[in-house]
Every structure is written in C-alpha cells, then in structure tokens.
Amino acid sequence: MKKTKFQNNKESNTYKKLALPFQRRLYRTALILTKSSNLAETLVVETNIKARKLYHQQKLDKNFNIGVLLFQFLLKNFKSD
C-alpha cells in the first residue's frame, strides 16, 4: 500500500521531533572527528538522511532510541569517508 502525502509528512514530523534534541551533540561530535565545520555539517546531514530513511522503512517501537541510531550512523559515515 502506497503512503499518502499526509502520512509521509506526519512521519517526517515525528522523525524531526525525535531527532532534534540530538542535532547539537551530533554536530559537536562530528566537528571533533573531522576538525572542519564544513565536513561536520556534511557528516550530520548524511547521518540524518540515513537515519530518516531507516526510521521510515521500519516499524520502530516506542522504546526505540533514535539517539543511539544517529551516533552509530555518524561514526559509520565518518569511518567510511
């Protein structure tokens, strides 16, 4: 079954609410790892894209910790570059 535009927006808003509290820490961690503000910003964007995609593809329960997922993706993206 194809999702409606409303469902996609609702899921996107839910992801944003869950991920927003971690964005500063993600950026600070990325900045420490890369030592470059431009690379840190790129790393955070790539991390959010991957995490959002996984979040939308899977049915995650209420106990799901998006912070763990975000930092795992951040480190994985950093190591792969």
N, C-alpha and C. Protein backbone atom coordinates (compact mmCIF):
# COMPACT_ATOMS: atom_id res chain seq x y z
N MET A 1 0.84 -1.18 0.00
CA MET A 1 0.00 0.00 0.00
C MET A 1 0.89 1.25 0.00
N LYS A 2 0.60 2.15 -0.90
CA LYS A 2 1.37 3.38 -1.02
C LYS A 2 0.93 4.39 0.05
N LYS A 3 1.91 5.08 0.62
CA LYS A 3 1.60 6.06 1.66
C LYS A 3 1.13 7.36 1.02
N THR A 4 0.21 8.00 1.71
CA THR A 4 -0.28 9.28 1.23
C THR A 4 0.69 10.38 1.63
N LYS A 5 0.54 11.54 1.02
CA LYS A 5 1.39 12.68 1.34
C LYS A 5 1.24 13.05 2.81
N PHE A 6 0.03 12.96 3.34
CA PHE A 6 -0.22 13.28 4.75
C PHE A 6 0.55 12.33 5.66
N GLN A 7 0.53 11.03 5.34
CA GLN A 7 1.24 10.05 6.16
C GLN A 7 2.74 10.32 6.13
N ASN A 8 3.28 10.64 4.95
CA ASN A 8 4.70 10.94 4.84
C ASN A 8 5.07 12.17 5.65
N ASN A 9 4.24 13.22 5.60
CA ASN A 9 4.51 14.43 6.38
C ASN A 9 4.44 14.15 7.88
N LYS A 10 3.47 13.35 8.27
CA LYS A 10 3.32 13.01 9.69
C LYS A 10 4.54 12.24 10.18
N GLU A 11 5.02 11.27 9.38
CA GLU A 11 6.20 10.50 9.75
C GLU A 11 7.44 11.40 9.79
N SER A 12 7.53 12.30 8.84
CA SER A 12 8.67 13.21 8.78
C SER A 12 8.69 14.12 10.01
N ASN A 13 7.54 14.63 10.39
CA ASN A 13 7.45 15.48 11.58
C ASN A 13 7.80 14.69 12.84
N THR A 14 7.37 13.44 12.91
CA THR A 14 7.69 12.60 14.06
C THR A 14 9.19 12.38 14.14
N TYR A 15 9.81 12.09 13.01
CA TYR A 15 11.27 11.90 12.99
C TYR A 15 11.97 13.17 13.46
N LYS A 16 11.54 14.32 12.95
CA LYS A 16 12.18 15.59 13.31
C LYS A 16 12.10 15.84 14.81
N LYS A 17 10.93 15.55 15.40
CA LYS A 17 10.76 15.75 16.84
C LYS A 17 11.68 14.84 17.64
N LEU A 18 11.85 13.61 17.16
CA LEU A 18 12.71 12.66 17.88
C LEU A 18 14.18 13.01 17.72
N ALA A 19 14.58 13.45 16.53
CA ALA A 19 16.00 13.67 16.23
C ALA A 19 16.50 15.05 16.64
N LEU A 20 15.63 16.02 16.74
CA LEU A 20 16.04 17.39 17.02
C LEU A 20 16.91 17.55 18.27
N PRO A 21 16.58 16.92 19.37
CA PRO A 21 17.39 17.10 20.58
C PRO A 21 18.85 16.62 20.44
N PHE A 22 19.14 15.82 19.43
CA PHE A 22 20.48 15.27 19.27
C PHE A 22 21.35 16.05 18.27
N GLN A 23 20.78 17.01 17.58
CA GLN A 23 21.50 17.67 16.49
C GLN A 23 22.74 18.43 16.95
N ARG A 24 22.66 19.14 18.05
CA ARG A 24 23.84 19.87 18.54
C ARG A 24 24.97 18.93 18.93
N ARG A 25 24.61 17.87 19.64
CA ARG A 25 25.64 16.90 20.05
C ARG A 25 26.22 16.18 18.85
N LEU A 26 25.37 15.87 17.87
CA LEU A 26 25.87 15.25 16.64
C LEU A 26 26.88 16.16 15.96
N TYR A 27 26.54 17.43 15.85
CA TYR A 27 27.43 18.38 15.19
C TYR A 27 28.75 18.53 15.96
N ARG A 28 28.66 18.65 17.28
CA ARG A 28 29.88 18.78 18.08
C ARG A 28 30.78 17.56 17.94
N THR A 29 30.16 16.38 17.95
CA THR A 29 30.92 15.15 17.77
C THR A 29 31.55 15.10 16.38
N ALA A 30 30.78 15.46 15.38
CA ALA A 30 31.30 15.48 14.00
C ALA A 30 32.44 16.49 13.86
N LEU A 31 32.33 17.61 14.54
CA LEU A 31 33.37 18.63 14.49
C LEU A 31 34.66 18.13 15.14
N ILE A 32 34.54 17.42 16.23
CA ILE A 32 35.71 16.84 16.89
C ILE A 32 36.36 15.81 15.97
N LEU A 33 35.54 14.99 15.32
CA LEU A 33 36.08 13.95 14.45
C LEU A 33 36.74 14.51 13.20
N THR A 34 36.08 15.49 12.57
CA THR A 34 36.55 15.98 11.27
C THR A 34 37.48 17.18 11.39
N LYS A 35 37.35 17.93 12.47
CA LYS A 35 38.12 19.17 12.67
C LYS A 35 37.85 20.21 11.57
N SER A 36 36.66 20.14 10.98
CA SER A 36 36.26 21.07 9.93
C SER A 36 34.76 21.29 10.02
N SER A 37 34.35 22.55 10.08
CA SER A 37 32.90 22.83 10.20
C SER A 37 32.14 22.37 8.96
N ASN A 38 32.73 22.55 7.78
CA ASN A 38 32.04 22.11 6.55
C ASN A 38 31.88 20.60 6.51
N LEU A 39 32.94 19.89 6.84
CA LEU A 39 32.85 18.42 6.85
C LEU A 39 31.90 17.94 7.94
N ALA A 40 31.90 18.62 9.08
CA ALA A 40 31.00 18.24 10.17
C ALA A 40 29.54 18.41 9.75
N GLU A 41 29.24 19.52 9.11
CA GLU A 41 27.86 19.75 8.64
C GLU A 41 27.45 18.68 7.63
N THR A 42 28.33 18.36 6.71
CA THR A 42 28.04 17.34 5.71
C THR A 42 27.81 15.99 6.36
N LEU A 43 28.63 15.67 7.33
CA LEU A 43 28.51 14.40 8.05
C LEU A 43 27.17 14.31 8.79
N VAL A 44 26.75 15.39 9.41
CA VAL A 44 25.47 15.40 10.13
C VAL A 44 24.30 15.26 9.16
N VAL A 45 24.38 15.93 8.03
CA VAL A 45 23.31 15.82 7.02
C VAL A 45 23.21 14.38 6.52
N GLU A 46 24.35 13.79 6.17
CA GLU A 46 24.35 12.39 5.69
C GLU A 46 23.80 11.45 6.75
N THR A 47 24.17 11.70 7.99
CA THR A 47 23.68 10.88 9.10
C THR A 47 22.17 10.97 9.22
N ASN A 48 21.62 12.17 9.15
CA ASN A 48 20.17 12.34 9.26
C ASN A 48 19.43 11.72 8.08
N ILE A 49 20.00 11.79 6.91
CA ILE A 49 19.36 11.19 5.73
C ILE A 49 19.24 9.68 5.92
N LYS A 50 20.33 9.04 6.33
CA LYS A 50 20.31 7.59 6.54
C LYS A 50 19.39 7.19 7.68
N ALA A 51 19.44 7.93 8.77
CA ALA A 51 18.60 7.60 9.92
C ALA A 51 17.12 7.79 9.59
N ARG A 52 16.80 8.87 8.87
CA ARG A 52 15.40 9.12 8.49
C ARG A 52 14.89 8.01 7.58
N LYS A 53 15.72 7.59 6.66
CA LYS A 53 15.33 6.52 5.73
C LYS A 53 15.02 5.24 6.50
N LEU A 54 15.90 4.87 7.42
CA LEU A 54 15.67 3.67 8.22
C LEU A 54 14.43 3.82 9.09
N TYR A 55 14.26 4.99 9.68
CA TYR A 55 13.11 5.24 10.54
C TYR A 55 11.80 5.06 9.75
N HIS A 56 11.76 5.55 8.51
CA HIS A 56 10.54 5.46 7.71
C HIS A 56 10.31 4.05 7.15
N GLN A 57 11.37 3.30 6.96
CA GLN A 57 11.24 1.96 6.38
C GLN A 57 10.77 0.94 7.41
N GLN A 58 11.12 1.14 8.65
CA GLN A 58 10.84 0.13 9.66
C GLN A 58 9.79 0.60 10.65
N LYS A 59 9.08 -0.34 11.17
CA LYS A 59 8.13 -0.07 12.25
C LYS A 59 8.90 -0.15 13.56
N LEU A 60 9.24 0.99 14.11
CA LEU A 60 10.04 1.02 15.33
C LEU A 60 9.14 1.23 16.54
N ASP A 61 9.43 0.50 17.59
CA ASP A 61 8.57 0.60 18.77
C ASP A 61 8.89 1.86 19.59
N LYS A 62 8.09 2.09 20.60
CA LYS A 62 8.22 3.31 21.41
C LYS A 62 9.51 3.34 22.22
N ASN A 63 10.09 2.19 22.49
CA ASN A 63 11.32 2.12 23.26
C ASN A 63 12.56 2.36 22.40
N PHE A 64 12.35 2.55 21.12
CA PHE A 64 13.44 2.79 20.18
C PHE A 64 14.17 4.08 20.55
N ASN A 65 15.49 4.01 20.60
CA ASN A 65 16.30 5.17 20.96
C ASN A 65 16.97 5.72 19.70
N ILE A 66 16.43 6.79 19.18
CA ILE A 66 16.95 7.36 17.94
C ILE A 66 18.35 7.95 18.13
N GLY A 67 18.67 8.36 19.34
CA GLY A 67 19.99 8.90 19.61
C GLY A 67 21.09 7.88 19.34
N VAL A 68 20.87 6.65 19.75
CA VAL A 68 21.84 5.58 19.52
C VAL A 68 22.02 5.38 18.02
N LEU A 69 20.93 5.33 17.30
CA LEU A 69 20.98 5.16 15.85
C LEU A 69 21.75 6.30 15.19
N LEU A 70 21.47 7.53 15.58
CA LEU A 70 22.13 8.68 14.98
C LEU A 70 23.63 8.64 15.20
N PHE A 71 24.07 8.35 16.41
CA PHE A 71 25.51 8.32 16.68
C PHE A 71 26.19 7.13 16.02
N GLN A 72 25.48 6.00 15.89
CA GLN A 72 26.04 4.87 15.16
C GLN A 72 26.26 5.23 13.69
N PHE A 73 25.26 5.86 13.08
CA PHE A 73 25.40 6.27 11.69
C PHE A 73 26.50 7.33 11.53
N LEU A 74 26.58 8.25 12.47
CA LEU A 74 27.62 9.28 12.41
C LEU A 74 29.01 8.64 12.38
N LEU A 75 29.25 7.73 13.29
CA LEU A 75 30.55 7.07 13.34
C LEU A 75 30.80 6.20 12.11
N LYS A 76 29.78 5.51 11.66
CA LYS A 76 29.91 4.67 10.47
C LYS A 76 30.21 5.52 9.23
N ASN A 77 29.51 6.65 9.09
CA ASN A 77 29.75 7.55 7.97
C ASN A 77 31.15 8.15 8.03
N PHE A 78 31.60 8.50 9.22
CA PHE A 78 32.93 9.07 9.38
C PHE A 78 34.01 8.06 8.99
N LYS A 79 33.86 6.83 9.44
CA LYS A 79 34.85 5.80 9.14
C LYS A 79 34.89 5.44 7.66
N SER A 80 33.73 5.54 6.99
CA SER A 80 33.68 5.16 5.57
C SER A 80 34.24 6.24 4.65
N ASP A 81 34.40 7.47 5.15
CA ASP A 81 34.93 8.56 4.30
C ASP A 81 36.41 8.55 4.21
